[in-house]
Amino acid sequence: MSKFTNMLKHRRLQRKMSKADIARELGWTPMYYGRYENGYLIPTKANINKFAVFLNISESELENIINTSSEREEH
């Protein structure tokens, strides 16, 4: 798992919410959100803000985490 997916799961559990709860909060289907938490999707510029707010971090910090994780997976 990447740092990003670990952060998503940790924050969700910390808030005592299900994947469906988070999906509803973000305006997505549970399946769509689950694909992010399970590492099948990487956030695009269009939804970085939603994840940054959910994780309570800046967009630039989140982009750095995602880019660092992606670079490690390529090697």
C-alpha atoms as a PDB file:
ATOM      1  CA  MET A   1       0.000   0.000   0.000  1.00  0.00           C
ATOM      2  CA  SER A   2       1.124   3.524  -0.710  1.00  0.00           C
ATOM      3  CA  LYS A   3       1.374   6.252   1.889  1.00  0.00           C
ATOM      4  CA  PHE A   4      -1.682   7.886   0.307  1.00  0.00           C
ATOM      5  CA  THR A   5      -3.884   4.792   0.629  1.00  0.00           C
ATOM      6  CA  ASN A   6      -2.676   4.224   4.182  1.00  0.00           C
ATOM      7  CA  MET A   7      -3.559   7.814   5.023  1.00  0.00           C
ATOM      8  CA  LEU A   8      -7.052   7.428   3.568  1.00  0.00           C
ATOM      9  CA  LYS A   9      -7.772   4.279   5.520  1.00  0.00           C
ATOM     10  CA  HIS A  10      -6.314   5.650   8.751  1.00  0.00           C
ATOM     11  CA  ARG A  11      -8.331   8.878   8.509  1.00  0.00           C
ATOM     12  CA  ARG A  12     -11.541   6.975   7.699  1.00  0.00           C
ATOM     13  CA  LEU A  13     -11.086   4.641  10.667  1.00  0.00           C
ATOM     14  CA  GLN A  14     -10.105   7.561  12.887  1.00  0.00           C
ATOM     15  CA  ARG A  15     -13.415   9.204  12.018  1.00  0.00           C
ATOM     16  CA  LYS A  16     -15.236   5.878  12.561  1.00  0.00           C
ATOM     17  CA  MET A  17     -16.734   5.984   9.089  1.00  0.00           C
ATOM     18  CA  SER A  18     -17.371   3.348   6.455  1.00  0.00           C
ATOM     19  CA  LYS A  19     -16.183   3.612   2.869  1.00  0.00           C
ATOM     20  CA  ALA A  20     -19.803   4.338   1.925  1.00  0.00           C
ATOM     21  CA  ASP A  21     -19.916   7.213   4.449  1.00  0.00           C
ATOM     22  CA  ILE A  22     -16.793   8.785   2.989  1.00  0.00           C
ATOM     23  CA  ALA A  23     -18.005   8.249  -0.574  1.00  0.00           C
ATOM     24  CA  ARG A  24     -21.248  10.022   0.247  1.00  0.00           C
ATOM     25  CA  GLU A  25     -19.305  12.895   1.850  1.00  0.00           C
ATOM     26  CA  LEU A  26     -17.151  13.252  -1.273  1.00  0.00           C
ATOM     27  CA  GLY A  27     -20.092  12.907  -3.676  1.00  0.00           C
ATOM     28  CA  TRP A  28     -18.970   9.572  -5.112  1.00  0.00           C
ATOM     29  CA  THR A  29     -20.156   5.971  -5.145  1.00  0.00           C
ATOM     30  CA  PRO A  30     -18.666   3.634  -2.534  1.00  0.00           C
ATOM     31  CA  MET A  31     -17.052   1.592  -5.320  1.00  0.00           C
ATOM     32  CA  TYR A  32     -15.354   4.669  -6.774  1.00  0.00           C
ATOM     33  CA  TYR A  33     -13.982   5.781  -3.394  1.00  0.00           C
ATOM     34  CA  GLY A  34     -12.892   2.212  -2.615  1.00  0.00           C
ATOM     35  CA  ARG A  35     -10.748   2.152  -5.736  1.00  0.00           C
ATOM     36  CA  TYR A  36      -8.709   5.035  -4.289  1.00  0.00           C
ATOM     37  CA  GLU A  37      -8.375   3.495  -0.833  1.00  0.00           C
ATOM     38  CA  ASN A  38      -7.394   0.151  -2.349  1.00  0.00           C
ATOM     39  CA  GLY A  39      -4.738   1.765  -4.538  1.00  0.00           C
ATOM     40  CA  TYR A  40      -6.345   1.185  -7.938  1.00  0.00           C
ATOM     41  CA  LEU A  41      -6.740   4.897  -8.701  1.00  0.00           C
ATOM     42  CA  ILE A  42      -4.447   7.872  -8.194  1.00  0.00           C
ATOM     43  CA  PRO A  43      -6.106  11.248  -7.559  1.00  0.00           C
ATOM     44  CA  THR A  44      -6.233  13.653 -10.462  1.00  0.00           C
ATOM     45  CA  LYS A  45      -5.834  17.416 -10.205  1.00  0.00           C
ATOM     46  CA  ALA A  46      -9.632  17.630 -10.279  1.00  0.00           C
ATOM     47  CA  ASN A  47     -10.094  15.770  -6.985  1.00  0.00           C
ATOM     48  CA  ILE A  48      -6.885  16.565  -5.075  1.00  0.00           C
ATOM     49  CA  ASN A  49      -8.784  19.259  -3.167  1.00  0.00           C
ATOM     50  CA  LYS A  50     -11.440  16.833  -1.921  1.00  0.00           C
ATOM     51  CA  PHE A  51      -8.809  14.449  -0.589  1.00  0.00           C
ATOM     52  CA  ALA A  52      -6.728  17.255   0.930  1.00  0.00           C
ATOM     53  CA  VAL A  53      -9.761  18.521   2.850  1.00  0.00           C
ATOM     54  CA  PHE A  54     -10.674  14.988   3.949  1.00  0.00           C
ATOM     55  CA  LEU A  55      -7.096  14.309   5.113  1.00  0.00           C
ATOM     56  CA  ASN A  56      -6.753  17.792   6.634  1.00  0.00           C
ATOM     57  CA  ILE A  57      -3.533  18.585   4.767  1.00  0.00           C
ATOM     58  CA  SER A  58      -2.581  21.105   2.086  1.00  0.00           C
ATOM     59  CA  GLU A  59      -3.029  20.283  -1.577  1.00  0.00           C
ATOM     60  CA  SER A  60       0.707  20.727  -2.208  1.00  0.00           C
ATOM     61  CA  GLU A  61       1.578  18.313   0.619  1.00  0.00           C
ATOM     62  CA  LEU A  62      -0.861  15.757  -0.773  1.00  0.00           C
ATOM     63  CA  GLU A  63       0.507  16.137  -4.307  1.00  0.00           C
ATOM     64  CA  ASN A  64       4.018  15.574  -2.953  1.00  0.00           C
ATOM     65  CA  ILE A  65       2.910  12.388  -1.143  1.00  0.00           C
ATOM     66  CA  ILE A  66       1.165  11.078  -4.267  1.00  0.00           C
ATOM     67  CA  ASN A  67       4.085  11.917  -6.569  1.00  0.00           C
ATOM     68  CA  THR A  68       6.610  10.331  -4.195  1.00  0.00           C
ATOM     69  CA  SER A  69       4.494   7.172  -3.935  1.00  0.00           C
ATOM     70  CA  SER A  70       4.087   6.979  -7.722  1.00  0.00           C
ATOM     71  CA  GLU A  71       7.833   7.367  -8.309  1.00  0.00           C
ATOM     72  CA  ARG A  72       8.617   4.503  -5.919  1.00  0.00           C
ATOM     73  CA  GLU A  73       6.109   2.196  -7.651  1.00  0.00           C
ATOM     74  CA  GLU A  74       7.731   2.873 -11.044  1.00  0.00           C
ATOM     75  CA  HIS A  75      11.147   1.608  -9.879  1.00  0.00           C
END
